[in-house]
Amino acid sequence: MALGNTQAHVPFRDSKLTHLLHHSLDGNSKTLMPVNVTPSENGAGETLNSLRLAVQVDRCHMGTATKPTW
């Protein structure tokens, strides 16, 4: 949500997953978010929530990825 609100600081929760992925989520990284949808009526609510989250993620722009010059 911090990127969606164009905040300079992106807080990472104190969890093992974000600790492991923090290099993939900041700096010069490319990020891909797969979204699982189903044609089943039973999963319509989850599909709708997944698509809403995907729209929020799509609105976040991290900038252009560049190769580091070593």
PDB file of N, CA and C in Angstrom:
ATOM      1  N   MET A   1       0.820  -1.195   0.000  1.00  0.00           N
ATOM      2  CA  MET A   1       0.000   0.000   0.000  1.00  0.00           C
ATOM      3  C   MET A   1       0.866   1.261   0.000  1.00  0.00           C
ATOM      4  N   ALA A   2       2.074   1.153   0.536  1.00  0.00           N
ATOM      5  CA  ALA A   2       2.935   2.333   0.554  1.00  0.00           C
ATOM      6  C   ALA A   2       3.286   2.775  -0.859  1.00  0.00           C
ATOM      7  N   LEU A   3       3.557   1.812  -1.745  1.00  0.00           N
ATOM      8  CA  LEU A   3       3.859   2.179  -3.132  1.00  0.00           C
ATOM      9  C   LEU A   3       2.641   2.758  -3.819  1.00  0.00           C
ATOM     10  N   GLY A   4       1.466   2.228  -3.509  1.00  0.00           N
ATOM     11  CA  GLY A   4       0.233   2.742  -4.100  1.00  0.00           C
ATOM     12  C   GLY A   4      -0.068   4.157  -3.667  1.00  0.00           C
ATOM     13  N   ASN A   5       0.384   4.516  -2.465  1.00  0.00           N
ATOM     14  CA  ASN A   5       0.182   5.866  -1.943  1.00  0.00           C
ATOM     15  C   ASN A   5       1.374   6.766  -2.231  1.00  0.00           C
ATOM     16  N   THR A   6       2.298   6.301  -3.040  1.00  0.00           N
ATOM     17  CA  THR A   6       3.526   7.003  -3.434  1.00  0.00           C
ATOM     18  C   THR A   6       4.333   7.495  -2.234  1.00  0.00           C
ATOM     19  N   GLN A   7       4.421   6.665  -1.216  1.00  0.00           N
ATOM     20  CA  GLN A   7       5.256   6.995  -0.068  1.00  0.00           C
ATOM     21  C   GLN A   7       6.695   6.606  -0.384  1.00  0.00           C
ATOM     22  N   ALA A   8       7.635   7.385   0.102  1.00  0.00           N
ATOM     23  CA  ALA A   8       9.042   7.106  -0.167  1.00  0.00           C
ATOM     24  C   ALA A   8       9.513   5.859   0.575  1.00  0.00           C
ATOM     25  N   HIS A   9       9.048   5.662   1.800  1.00  0.00           N
ATOM     26  CA  HIS A   9       9.458   4.518   2.611  1.00  0.00           C
ATOM     27  C   HIS A   9       8.452   3.389   2.444  1.00  0.00           C
ATOM     28  N   VAL A  10       8.942   2.209   2.086  1.00  0.00           N
ATOM     29  CA  VAL A  10       8.081   1.038   1.967  1.00  0.00           C
ATOM     30  C   VAL A  10       8.352   0.148   3.168  1.00  0.00           C
ATOM     31  N   PRO A  11       7.424   0.087   4.130  1.00  0.00           N
ATOM     32  CA  PRO A  11       7.665  -0.722   5.326  1.00  0.00           C
ATOM     33  C   PRO A  11       7.519  -2.211   5.019  1.00  0.00           C
ATOM     34  N   PHE A  12       8.433  -3.000   5.532  1.00  0.00           N
ATOM     35  CA  PHE A  12       8.330  -4.446   5.418  1.00  0.00           C
ATOM     36  C   PHE A  12       7.905  -4.989   6.773  1.00  0.00           C
ATOM     37  N   ARG A  13       6.901  -5.845   6.748  1.00  0.00           N
ATOM     38  CA  ARG A  13       6.449  -6.439   8.001  1.00  0.00           C
ATOM     39  C   ARG A  13       7.558  -7.293   8.578  1.00  0.00           C
ATOM     40  N   ASP A  14       7.524  -7.461   9.865  1.00  0.00           N
ATOM     41  CA  ASP A  14       8.526  -8.270  10.542  1.00  0.00           C
ATOM     42  C   ASP A  14       8.146  -9.745  10.416  1.00  0.00           C
ATOM     43  N   SER A  15       8.323 -10.298   9.219  1.00  0.00           N
ATOM     44  CA  SER A  15       8.018 -11.710   9.001  1.00  0.00           C
ATOM     45  C   SER A  15       9.173 -12.358   8.252  1.00  0.00           C
ATOM     46  N   LYS A  16       9.251 -13.665   8.341  1.00  0.00           N
ATOM     47  CA  LYS A  16      10.329 -14.385   7.660  1.00  0.00           C
ATOM     48  C   LYS A  16      10.235 -14.222   6.146  1.00  0.00           C
ATOM     49  N   LEU A  17       9.007 -14.240   5.615  1.00  0.00           N
ATOM     50  CA  LEU A  17       8.837 -14.141   4.166  1.00  0.00           C
ATOM     51  C   LEU A  17       9.327 -12.801   3.631  1.00  0.00           C
ATOM     52  N   THR A  18       8.906 -11.705   4.243  1.00  0.00           N
ATOM     53  CA  THR A  18       9.354 -10.402   3.743  1.00  0.00           C
ATOM     54  C   THR A  18      10.842 -10.200   3.998  1.00  0.00           C
ATOM     55  N   HIS A  19      11.360 -10.803   5.068  1.00  0.00           N
ATOM     56  CA  HIS A  19      12.802 -10.720   5.313  1.00  0.00           C
ATOM     57  C   HIS A  19      13.564 -11.419   4.191  1.00  0.00           C
ATOM     58  N   LEU A  20      13.070 -12.588   3.761  1.00  0.00           N
ATOM     59  CA  LEU A  20      13.728 -13.318   2.683  1.00  0.00           C
ATOM     60  C   LEU A  20      13.580 -12.624   1.335  1.00  0.00           C
ATOM     61  N   LEU A  21      12.457 -11.948   1.122  1.00  0.00           N
ATOM     62  CA  LEU A  21      12.167 -11.350  -0.181  1.00  0.00           C
ATOM     63  C   LEU A  21      12.497  -9.867  -0.285  1.00  0.00           C
ATOM     64  N   HIS A  22      13.019  -9.245   0.765  1.00  0.00           N
ATOM     65  CA  HIS A  22      13.156  -7.786   0.732  1.00  0.00           C
ATOM     66  C   HIS A  22      14.066  -7.300  -0.394  1.00  0.00           C
ATOM     67  N   HIS A  23      15.068  -8.080  -0.793  1.00  0.00           N
ATOM     68  CA  HIS A  23      15.907  -7.659  -1.919  1.00  0.00           C
ATOM     69  C   HIS A  23      15.155  -7.757  -3.245  1.00  0.00           C
ATOM     70  N   SER A  24      14.155  -8.621  -3.290  1.00  0.00           N
ATOM     71  CA  SER A  24      13.360  -8.768  -4.511  1.00  0.00           C
ATOM     72  C   SER A  24      12.257  -7.730  -4.604  1.00  0.00           C
ATOM     73  N   LEU A  25      11.983  -7.038  -3.527  1.00  0.00           N
ATOM     74  CA  LEU A  25      10.874  -6.087  -3.501  1.00  0.00           C
ATOM     75  C   LEU A  25      11.319  -4.635  -3.499  1.00  0.00           C
ATOM     76  N   ASP A  26      12.606  -4.371  -3.464  1.00  0.00           N
ATOM     77  CA  ASP A  26      13.074  -2.987  -3.485  1.00  0.00           C
ATOM     78  C   ASP A  26      14.247  -2.865  -4.446  1.00  0.00           C
ATOM     79  N   GLY A  27      14.717  -1.682  -4.624  1.00  0.00           N
ATOM     80  CA  GLY A  27      15.868  -1.459  -5.491  1.00  0.00           C
ATOM     81  C   GLY A  27      15.552  -1.659  -6.961  1.00  0.00           C
ATOM     82  N   ASN A  28      16.464  -2.282  -7.668  1.00  0.00           N
ATOM     83  CA  ASN A  28      16.346  -2.472  -9.116  1.00  0.00           C
ATOM     84  C   ASN A  28      15.784  -3.852  -9.445  1.00  0.00           C
ATOM     85  N   SER A  29      14.668  -4.185  -8.871  1.00  0.00           N
ATOM     86  CA  SER A  29      14.093  -5.513  -9.087  1.00  0.00           C
ATOM     87  C   SER A  29      12.855  -5.437  -9.971  1.00  0.00           C
ATOM     88  N   LYS A  30      12.544  -6.560 -10.596  1.00  0.00           N
ATOM     89  CA  LYS A  30      11.296  -6.700 -11.339  1.00  0.00           C
ATOM     90  C   LYS A  30      10.403  -7.616 -10.520  1.00  0.00           C
ATOM     91  N   THR A  31       9.141  -7.284 -10.438  1.00  0.00           N
ATOM     92  CA  THR A  31       8.216  -8.041  -9.610  1.00  0.00           C
ATOM     93  C   THR A  31       7.051  -8.524 -10.455  1.00  0.00           C
ATOM     94  N   LEU A  32       6.689  -9.778 -10.280  1.00  0.00           N
ATOM     95  CA  LEU A  32       5.570 -10.379 -10.988  1.00  0.00           C
ATOM     96  C   LEU A  32       4.598 -10.932  -9.961  1.00  0.00           C
ATOM     97  N   MET A  33       3.320 -10.677 -10.167  1.00  0.00           N
ATOM     98  CA  MET A  33       2.316 -11.199  -9.247  1.00  0.00           C
ATOM     99  C   MET A  33       1.329 -12.065 -10.015  1.00  0.00           C
ATOM    100  N   PRO A  34       1.434 -13.394  -9.879  1.00  0.00           N
ATOM    101  CA  PRO A  34       0.431 -14.250 -10.504  1.00  0.00           C
ATOM    102  C   PRO A  34      -0.882 -14.167  -9.730  1.00  0.00           C
ATOM    103  N   VAL A  35      -1.982 -14.227 -10.451  1.00  0.00           N
ATOM    104  CA  VAL A  35      -3.306 -14.181  -9.819  1.00  0.00           C
ATOM    105  C   VAL A  35      -4.065 -15.431 -10.238  1.00  0.00           C
ATOM    106  N   ASN A  36      -4.558 -16.163  -9.261  1.00  0.00           N
ATOM    107  CA  ASN A  36      -5.300 -17.386  -9.529  1.00  0.00           C
ATOM    108  C   ASN A  36      -6.792 -17.078  -9.566  1.00  0.00           C
ATOM    109  N   VAL A  37      -7.431 -17.370 -10.699  1.00  0.00           N
ATOM    110  CA  VAL A  37      -8.873 -17.165 -10.828  1.00  0.00           C
ATOM    111  C   VAL A  37      -9.517 -18.489 -11.209  1.00  0.00           C
ATOM    112  N   THR A  38     -10.798 -18.630 -10.907  1.00  0.00           N
ATOM    113  CA  THR A  38     -11.520 -19.859 -11.206  1.00  0.00           C
ATOM    114  C   THR A  38     -12.841 -19.537 -11.898  1.00  0.00           C
ATOM    115  N   PRO A  39     -13.262 -20.372 -12.830  1.00  0.00           N
ATOM    116  CA  PRO A  39     -14.565 -20.160 -13.464  1.00  0.00           C
ATOM    117  C   PRO A  39     -15.726 -20.681 -12.614  1.00  0.00           C
ATOM    118  N   SER A  40     -15.406 -21.353 -11.517  1.00  0.00           N
ATOM    119  CA  SER A  40     -16.434 -21.945 -10.663  1.00  0.00           C
ATOM    120  C   SER A  40     -17.190 -20.877  -9.877  1.00  0.00           C
ATOM    121  N   GLU A  41     -18.500 -21.062  -9.742  1.00  0.00           N
ATOM    122  CA  GLU A  41     -19.301 -20.124  -8.941  1.00  0.00           C
ATOM    123  C   GLU A  41     -18.909 -20.184  -7.472  1.00  0.00           C
ATOM    124  N   ASN A  42     -18.462 -21.342  -7.017  1.00  0.00           N
ATOM    125  CA  ASN A  42     -18.070 -21.487  -5.611  1.00  0.00           C
ATOM    126  C   ASN A  42     -16.877 -20.603  -5.260  1.00  0.00           C
ATOM    127  N   GLY A  43     -16.024 -20.343  -6.217  1.00  0.00           N
ATOM    128  CA  GLY A  43     -14.845 -19.530  -5.961  1.00  0.00           C
ATOM    129  C   GLY A  43     -14.966 -18.105  -6.448  1.00  0.00           C
ATOM    130  N   ALA A  44     -16.182 -17.668  -6.773  1.00  0.00           N
ATOM    131  CA  ALA A  44     -16.368 -16.325  -7.335  1.00  0.00           C
ATOM    132  C   ALA A  44     -15.911 -15.231  -6.372  1.00  0.00           C
ATOM    133  N   GLY A  45     -16.178 -15.390  -5.096  1.00  0.00           N
ATOM    134  CA  GLY A  45     -15.773 -14.381  -4.114  1.00  0.00           C
ATOM    135  C   GLY A  45     -14.267 -14.245  -4.018  1.00  0.00           C
ATOM    136  N   GLU A  46     -13.571 -15.381  -3.958  1.00  0.00           N
ATOM    137  CA  GLU A  46     -12.110 -15.355  -3.896  1.00  0.00           C
ATOM    138  C   GLU A  46     -11.512 -14.799  -5.186  1.00  0.00           C
ATOM    139  N   THR A  47     -12.102 -15.163  -6.321  1.00  0.00           N
ATOM    140  CA  THR A  47     -11.628 -14.639  -7.601  1.00  0.00           C
ATOM    141  C   THR A  47     -11.780 -13.127  -7.650  1.00  0.00           C
ATOM    142  N   LEU A  48     -12.916 -12.628  -7.208  1.00  0.00           N
ATOM    143  CA  LEU A  48     -13.146 -11.184  -7.204  1.00  0.00           C
ATOM    144  C   LEU A  48     -12.147 -10.477  -6.296  1.00  0.00           C
ATOM    145  N   ASN A  49     -11.899 -11.025  -5.110  1.00  0.00           N
ATOM    146  CA  ASN A  49     -10.916 -10.429  -4.201  1.00  0.00           C
ATOM    147  C   ASN A  49      -9.516 -10.454  -4.809  1.00  0.00           C
ATOM    148  N   SER A  50      -9.171 -11.551  -5.481  1.00  0.00           N
ATOM    149  CA  SER A  50      -7.858 -11.646  -6.124  1.00  0.00           C
ATOM    150  C   SER A  50      -7.706 -10.609  -7.226  1.00  0.00           C
ATOM    151  N   LEU A  51      -8.760 -10.417  -8.009  1.00  0.00           N
ATOM    152  CA  LEU A  51      -8.699  -9.427  -9.085  1.00  0.00           C
ATOM    153  C   LEU A  51      -8.637  -8.004  -8.541  1.00  0.00           C
ATOM    154  N   ARG A  52      -9.327  -7.750  -7.437  1.00  0.00           N
ATOM    155  CA  ARG A  52      -9.246  -6.416  -6.812  1.00  0.00           C
ATOM    156  C   ARG A  52      -7.832  -6.142  -6.312  1.00  0.00           C
ATOM    157  N   LEU A  53      -7.213  -7.143  -5.706  1.00  0.00           N
ATOM    158  CA  LEU A  53      -5.833  -6.980  -5.252  1.00  0.00           C
ATOM    159  C   LEU A  53      -4.905  -6.760  -6.445  1.00  0.00           C
ATOM    160  N   ALA A  54      -5.134  -7.488  -7.532  1.00  0.00           N
ATOM    161  CA  ALA A  54      -4.304  -7.323  -8.726  1.00  0.00           C
ATOM    162  C   ALA A  54      -4.414  -5.913  -9.291  1.00  0.00           C
ATOM    163  N   VAL A  55      -5.599  -5.321  -9.239  1.00  0.00           N
ATOM    164  CA  VAL A  55      -5.777  -3.944  -9.707  1.00  0.00           C
ATOM    165  C   VAL A  55      -4.971  -2.991  -8.832  1.00  0.00           C
ATOM    166  N   GLN A  56      -4.991  -3.204  -7.514  1.00  0.00           N
ATOM    167  CA  GLN A  56      -4.206  -2.347  -6.613  1.00  0.00           C
ATOM    168  C   GLN A  56      -2.719  -2.496  -6.893  1.00  0.00           C
ATOM    169  N   VAL A  57      -2.268  -3.727  -7.098  1.00  0.00           N
ATOM    170  CA  VAL A  57      -0.853  -3.964  -7.379  1.00  0.00           C
ATOM    171  C   VAL A  57      -0.462  -3.327  -8.706  1.00  0.00           C
ATOM    172  N   ASP A  58      -1.347  -3.401  -9.693  1.00  0.00           N
ATOM    173  CA  ASP A  58      -1.063  -2.824 -11.005  1.00  0.00           C
ATOM    174  C   ASP A  58      -0.903  -1.310 -10.934  1.00  0.00           C
ATOM    175  N   ARG A  59      -1.545  -0.680  -9.981  1.00  0.00           N
ATOM    176  CA  ARG A  59      -1.440   0.781  -9.831  1.00  0.00           C
ATOM    177  C   ARG A  59      -0.120   1.205  -9.201  1.00  0.00           C
ATOM    178  N   CYS A  60       0.600   0.269  -8.613  1.00  0.00           N
ATOM    179  CA  CYS A  60       1.888   0.572  -7.988  1.00  0.00           C
ATOM    180  C   CYS A  60       2.971   0.571  -9.054  1.00  0.00           C
ATOM    181  N   HIS A  61       3.699   1.650  -9.140  1.00  0.00           N
ATOM    182  CA  HIS A  61       4.789   1.746 -10.100  1.00  0.00           C
ATOM    183  C   HIS A  61       6.081   1.953  -9.333  1.00  0.00           C
ATOM    184  N   MET A  62       6.979   0.998  -9.495  1.00  0.00           N
ATOM    185  CA  MET A  62       8.235   1.032  -8.766  1.00  0.00           C
ATOM    186  C   MET A  62       9.326   1.737  -9.555  1.00  0.00           C
ATOM    187  N   GLY A  63       9.033   2.146 -10.768  1.00  0.00           N
ATOM    188  CA  GLY A  63      10.042   2.793 -11.591  1.00  0.00           C
ATOM    189  C   GLY A  63      10.652   1.805 -12.568  1.00  0.00           C
ATOM    190  N   THR A  64      11.500   2.287 -13.416  1.00  0.00           N
ATOM    191  CA  THR A  64      12.122   1.467 -14.440  1.00  0.00           C
ATOM    192  C   THR A  64      13.307   0.714 -13.863  1.00  0.00           C
ATOM    193  N   ALA A  65      13.350  -0.575 -14.124  1.00  0.00           N
ATOM    194  CA  ALA A  65      14.477  -1.379 -13.667  1.00  0.00           C
ATOM    195  C   ALA A  65      15.702  -1.055 -14.509  1.00  0.00           C
ATOM    196  N   THR A  66      16.842  -0.936 -13.866  1.00  0.00           N
ATOM    197  CA  THR A  66      18.092  -0.663 -14.570  1.00  0.00           C
ATOM    198  C   THR A  66      19.143  -1.664 -14.125  1.00  0.00           C
ATOM    199  N   LYS A  67      20.063  -1.969 -15.029  1.00  0.00           N
ATOM    200  CA  LYS A  67      21.157  -2.864 -14.682  1.00  0.00           C
ATOM    201  C   LYS A  67      22.203  -2.072 -13.909  1.00  0.00           C
ATOM    202  N   PRO A  68      22.727  -2.659 -12.842  1.00  0.00           N
ATOM    203  CA  PRO A  68      23.789  -1.956 -12.117  1.00  0.00           C
ATOM    204  C   PRO A  68      25.078  -1.949 -12.940  1.00  0.00           C
ATOM    205  N   THR A  69      25.804  -0.877 -12.859  1.00  0.00           N
ATOM    206  CA  THR A  69      27.103  -0.796 -13.539  1.00  0.00           C
ATOM    207  C   THR A  69      28.174  -1.096 -12.511  1.00  0.00           C
ATOM    208  N   TRP A  70      28.856  -2.186 -12.705  1.00  0.00           N
ATOM    209  CA  TRP A  70      29.861  -2.627 -11.733  1.00  0.00           C
ATOM    210  C   TRP A  70      31.169  -2.098 -12.107  1.00  0.00           C
TER     211      TRP A  70
END
